[in-house]
Amino acid sequence: MAFDFKKEYKEFYSPKNKPEIVNVPAANYIAVRGKGNPNEEGGAYQKAISVLYEVSYTLKMSYKTDYKIEGFFEYVVPPLEGFWWQEGISGIDYSNKKAFNWISVIRLPDFVTKADFNWAVETATKKKKIDCSAAEFLTIDEGLCVQIMHGGPFDNEPATVAIMDEYIKENGYVNDITDKRLHHEIYMSDARKVAPEKWKTVIRHPIRKV
């Protein structure tokens, strides 16, 4: 059976609908950076997602090619994730989506090296006729965080974030969102197939002790 990050690391992908504190270890990701409204049809965000999945599936299916990755085992491509921020704003202003900056990512198995990643970018670009040069191999070390499972549309996230903020305050922590530690979302639902009221999104914020 293929390795499934969601099942093997439930503590990072399946939090309850109440806040909890976690220590997230460093991991490697395929990442694409950009700016603008993620809902723009054919916009930068949607193009970035295409690049992420093309490179991800090129790596996943590499065992069927002549290119062999050392230590490879079959796995399920992990869910799409995103780090979000807006210049000069503390938190997120959902009414001004065009001001979003984002780093969209998909986690990589530990056996994927930078050389393997470079091969996948080049191969996906050639075979899929899509420019994947914007993809980068990115290591992210989140460390101490608070997280929760948010249910429903993204625009309703502020109410969930308020619950997180109250929880960390009560437990002797404060938010530690900086230009290096960002608002993080993990998309556990396929927004193309699931109604917005049923979306499940992990929201994760960096924190530190008071």
Protein backbone atom coordinates (compact mmCIF):
# COMPACT_ATOMS: atom_id res chain seq x y z
CA MET A 1 0.00 0.00 0.00
CA ALA A 2 1.30 3.45 -0.93
CA PHE A 3 2.61 5.65 1.90
CA ASP A 4 0.05 8.34 2.77
CA PHE A 5 1.35 11.40 4.64
CA LYS A 6 -2.17 12.25 5.83
CA LYS A 7 -2.52 8.88 7.57
CA GLU A 8 1.06 8.51 8.80
CA TYR A 9 1.24 12.06 10.23
CA LYS A 10 -2.29 12.59 11.48
CA GLU A 11 -1.07 15.04 14.11
CA PHE A 12 -0.19 17.48 11.30
CA TYR A 13 -3.04 16.83 8.87
CA SER A 14 -6.04 15.92 11.03
CA PRO A 15 -6.35 18.32 13.97
CA LYS A 16 -9.69 18.59 15.74
CA ASN A 17 -11.98 21.60 15.38
CA LYS A 18 -10.46 23.07 18.53
CA PRO A 19 -6.95 24.54 18.85
CA GLU A 20 -3.93 22.43 19.71
CA ILE A 21 -0.22 23.13 20.01
CA VAL A 22 2.23 21.18 17.86
CA ASN A 23 5.94 21.22 17.11
CA VAL A 24 6.33 20.83 13.36
CA PRO A 25 9.68 19.44 12.17
CA ALA A 26 11.53 20.67 9.09
CA ALA A 27 10.40 19.22 5.77
CA ASN A 28 11.11 19.73 2.08
CA TYR A 29 8.55 21.07 -0.36
CA ILE A 30 7.97 21.95 -3.99
CA ALA A 31 7.15 25.66 -3.82
CA VAL A 32 5.95 28.39 -6.16
CA ARG A 33 5.79 32.03 -5.03
CA GLY A 34 3.42 34.66 -6.30
CA LYS A 35 1.04 37.52 -5.65
CA GLY A 36 -2.59 38.30 -6.38
CA ASN A 37 -6.14 37.04 -6.05
CA PRO A 38 -6.15 33.21 -5.88
CA ASN A 39 -9.64 33.15 -7.39
CA GLU A 40 -8.63 34.91 -10.61
CA GLU A 41 -9.50 32.65 -13.51
CA GLY A 42 -6.26 31.64 -15.25
CA GLY A 43 -4.30 33.86 -12.87
CA ALA A 44 -0.89 33.42 -11.31
CA TYR A 45 -2.15 31.29 -8.43
CA GLN A 46 -3.94 28.78 -10.64
CA LYS A 47 -0.89 28.53 -12.88
CA ALA A 48 1.29 27.94 -9.83
CA ILE A 49 -0.95 25.07 -8.70
CA SER A 50 -0.60 23.44 -12.14
CA VAL A 51 3.18 23.62 -11.86
CA LEU A 52 3.15 22.11 -8.35
CA TYR A 53 1.07 19.13 -9.42
CA GLU A 54 3.00 18.50 -12.64
CA VAL A 55 6.29 18.33 -10.74
CA SER A 56 4.73 16.32 -7.89
CA TYR A 57 3.30 13.66 -10.17
CA THR A 58 6.49 13.49 -12.23
CA LEU A 59 8.33 12.54 -9.03
CA LYS A 60 5.59 10.18 -7.87
CA MET A 61 5.63 8.28 -11.18
CA SER A 62 9.43 8.37 -11.62
CA TYR A 63 9.70 4.65 -10.82
CA LYS A 64 8.04 3.95 -14.18
CA THR A 65 10.83 5.78 -16.03
CA ASP A 66 14.53 5.19 -16.55
CA TYR A 67 15.29 7.71 -13.81
CA LYS A 68 15.68 5.96 -10.47
CA ILE A 69 15.47 7.81 -7.15
CA GLU A 70 17.51 6.24 -4.37
CA GLY A 71 15.33 5.06 -1.49
CA PHE A 72 12.12 5.55 -3.49
CA PHE A 73 8.86 4.03 -2.27
CA GLU A 74 5.36 4.51 -3.65
CA TYR A 75 3.38 7.27 -1.98
CA VAL A 76 0.23 9.38 -2.25
CA VAL A 77 0.91 12.99 -3.29
CA PRO A 78 0.33 15.08 -0.13
CA PRO A 79 -2.32 17.82 -0.04
CA LEU A 80 -1.82 21.32 -1.38
CA GLU A 81 -0.69 23.89 1.21
CA GLY A 82 -0.23 27.64 1.23
CA PHE A 83 1.58 30.32 3.21
CA TRP A 84 -0.14 33.72 3.00
CA TRP A 85 0.56 37.33 3.92
CA GLN A 86 -0.21 40.92 2.94
CA GLU A 87 2.19 43.83 3.13
CA GLY A 88 1.68 46.18 6.06
CA ILE A 89 -1.18 44.18 7.56
CA SER A 90 -1.23 42.21 10.78
CA GLY A 91 -3.25 39.11 9.99
CA ILE A 92 -5.26 38.72 6.78
CA ASP A 93 -7.73 41.08 5.08
CA TYR A 94 -10.00 38.72 3.12
CA SER A 95 -11.77 41.65 1.44
CA ASN A 96 -8.56 42.57 -0.41
CA LYS A 97 -7.54 39.33 -2.09
CA LYS A 98 -5.53 41.06 -4.83
CA ALA A 99 -3.05 42.11 -2.11
CA PHE A 100 -2.25 38.51 -1.19
CA ASN A 101 1.33 37.28 -1.33
CA TRP A 102 1.61 33.51 -1.25
CA ILE A 103 3.95 30.57 -1.32
CA SER A 104 2.06 27.51 -2.54
CA VAL A 105 3.65 24.19 -1.64
CA ILE A 106 3.32 20.41 -1.79
CA ARG A 107 5.39 18.33 0.57
CA LEU A 108 8.12 16.07 -0.75
CA PRO A 109 9.12 12.66 0.62
CA ASP A 110 12.44 12.80 2.45
CA PHE A 111 14.14 10.63 -0.18
CA VAL A 112 13.71 13.31 -2.88
CA THR A 113 16.98 15.24 -3.25
CA LYS A 114 17.59 18.58 -4.94
CA ALA A 115 19.00 16.68 -7.93
CA ASP A 116 15.83 14.57 -8.17
CA PHE A 117 13.75 17.73 -7.93
CA ASN A 118 15.73 19.38 -10.76
CA TRP A 119 15.19 16.29 -12.91
CA ALA A 120 11.44 16.44 -12.27
CA VAL A 121 11.19 20.15 -13.13
CA GLU A 122 13.05 19.60 -16.40
CA THR A 123 11.08 16.46 -17.26
CA ALA A 124 7.68 17.99 -16.48
CA THR A 125 8.52 21.06 -18.56
CA LYS A 126 9.43 18.91 -21.57
CA LYS A 127 6.69 16.29 -21.36
CA LYS A 128 3.76 18.45 -20.26
CA LYS A 129 4.70 21.49 -22.35
CA ILE A 130 4.29 23.70 -19.27
CA ASP A 131 7.03 25.97 -17.94
CA CYS A 132 7.87 24.64 -14.46
CA SER A 133 10.92 26.85 -13.91
CA ALA A 134 9.12 28.82 -11.18
CA ALA A 135 9.17 25.75 -8.93
CA GLU A 136 11.77 25.72 -6.17
CA PHE A 137 13.04 23.16 -3.68
CA LEU A 138 12.22 24.71 -0.32
CA THR A 139 12.96 23.52 3.23
CA ILE A 140 10.54 24.89 5.84
CA ASP A 141 11.05 24.52 9.57
CA GLU A 142 7.82 25.69 11.22
CA GLY A 143 8.62 24.75 14.80
CA LEU A 144 6.16 25.64 17.56
CA CYS A 145 2.66 26.33 16.23
CA VAL A 146 -1.03 26.35 17.08
CA GLN A 147 -3.37 24.66 14.62
CA ILE A 148 -7.05 23.85 14.15
CA MET A 149 -9.33 22.28 11.54
CA HIS A 150 -11.45 25.02 9.97
CA GLY A 151 -14.73 23.98 8.39
CA GLY A 152 -16.38 26.00 5.63
CA PRO A 153 -15.39 28.83 3.26
CA PHE A 154 -12.04 30.57 3.51
CA ASP A 155 -13.74 33.93 4.07
CA ASN A 156 -15.05 32.58 7.39
CA GLU A 157 -11.54 31.90 8.72
CA PRO A 158 -11.30 35.04 10.92
CA ALA A 159 -13.76 33.54 13.43
CA THR A 160 -11.64 30.39 13.65
CA VAL A 161 -8.44 32.39 13.98
CA ALA A 162 -10.05 34.32 16.87
CA ILE A 163 -10.60 31.02 18.68
CA MET A 164 -6.93 30.14 18.13
CA ASP A 165 -5.82 33.54 19.44
CA GLU A 166 -7.88 33.16 22.61
CA TYR A 167 -6.52 29.67 23.18
CA ILE A 168 -2.86 30.66 22.96
CA LYS A 169 -3.46 33.68 25.17
CA GLU A 170 -5.00 31.45 27.84
CA ASN A 171 -2.05 29.05 27.63
CA GLY A 172 0.78 31.58 27.89
CA TYR A 173 1.69 31.99 24.21
CA VAL A 174 1.53 34.79 21.66
CA ASN A 175 1.41 34.77 17.87
CA ASP A 176 4.83 34.86 16.24
CA ILE A 177 3.85 35.68 12.66
CA THR A 178 6.80 37.42 10.96
CA ASP A 179 8.19 37.75 7.45
CA LYS A 180 9.70 34.28 7.97
CA ARG A 181 6.91 32.60 9.96
CA LEU A 182 3.59 32.88 8.13
CA HIS A 183 -0.14 32.13 8.22
CA HIS A 184 -0.32 28.55 6.94
CA GLU A 185 -3.21 26.62 5.38
CA ILE A 186 -3.41 22.95 4.39
CA TYR A 187 -6.28 22.12 2.02
CA MET A 188 -7.83 18.79 2.97
CA SER A 189 -10.74 19.16 0.51
CA ASP A 190 -10.77 19.46 -3.27
CA ALA A 191 -12.44 22.85 -3.74
CA ARG A 192 -13.40 21.85 -7.30
CA LYS A 193 -15.49 18.89 -6.10
CA VAL A 194 -16.69 19.79 -2.60
CA ALA A 195 -19.23 22.47 -1.66
CA PRO A 196 -17.65 25.42 0.22
CA GLU A 197 -19.64 24.73 3.39
CA LYS A 198 -17.98 21.29 3.56
CA TRP A 199 -14.39 22.42 2.96
CA LYS A 200 -11.83 21.33 5.56
CA THR A 201 -8.71 23.46 5.97
CA VAL A 202 -5.97 23.11 8.55
CA ILE A 203 -5.03 26.59 9.79
CA ARG A 204 -1.63 26.81 11.46
CA HIS A 205 0.03 29.83 13.07
CA PRO A 206 3.55 30.12 14.52
CA ILE A 207 3.63 30.93 18.22
CA ARG A 208 6.11 31.52 21.04
CA LYS A 209 5.99 31.54 24.80
CA VAL A 210 5.24 34.90 26.41
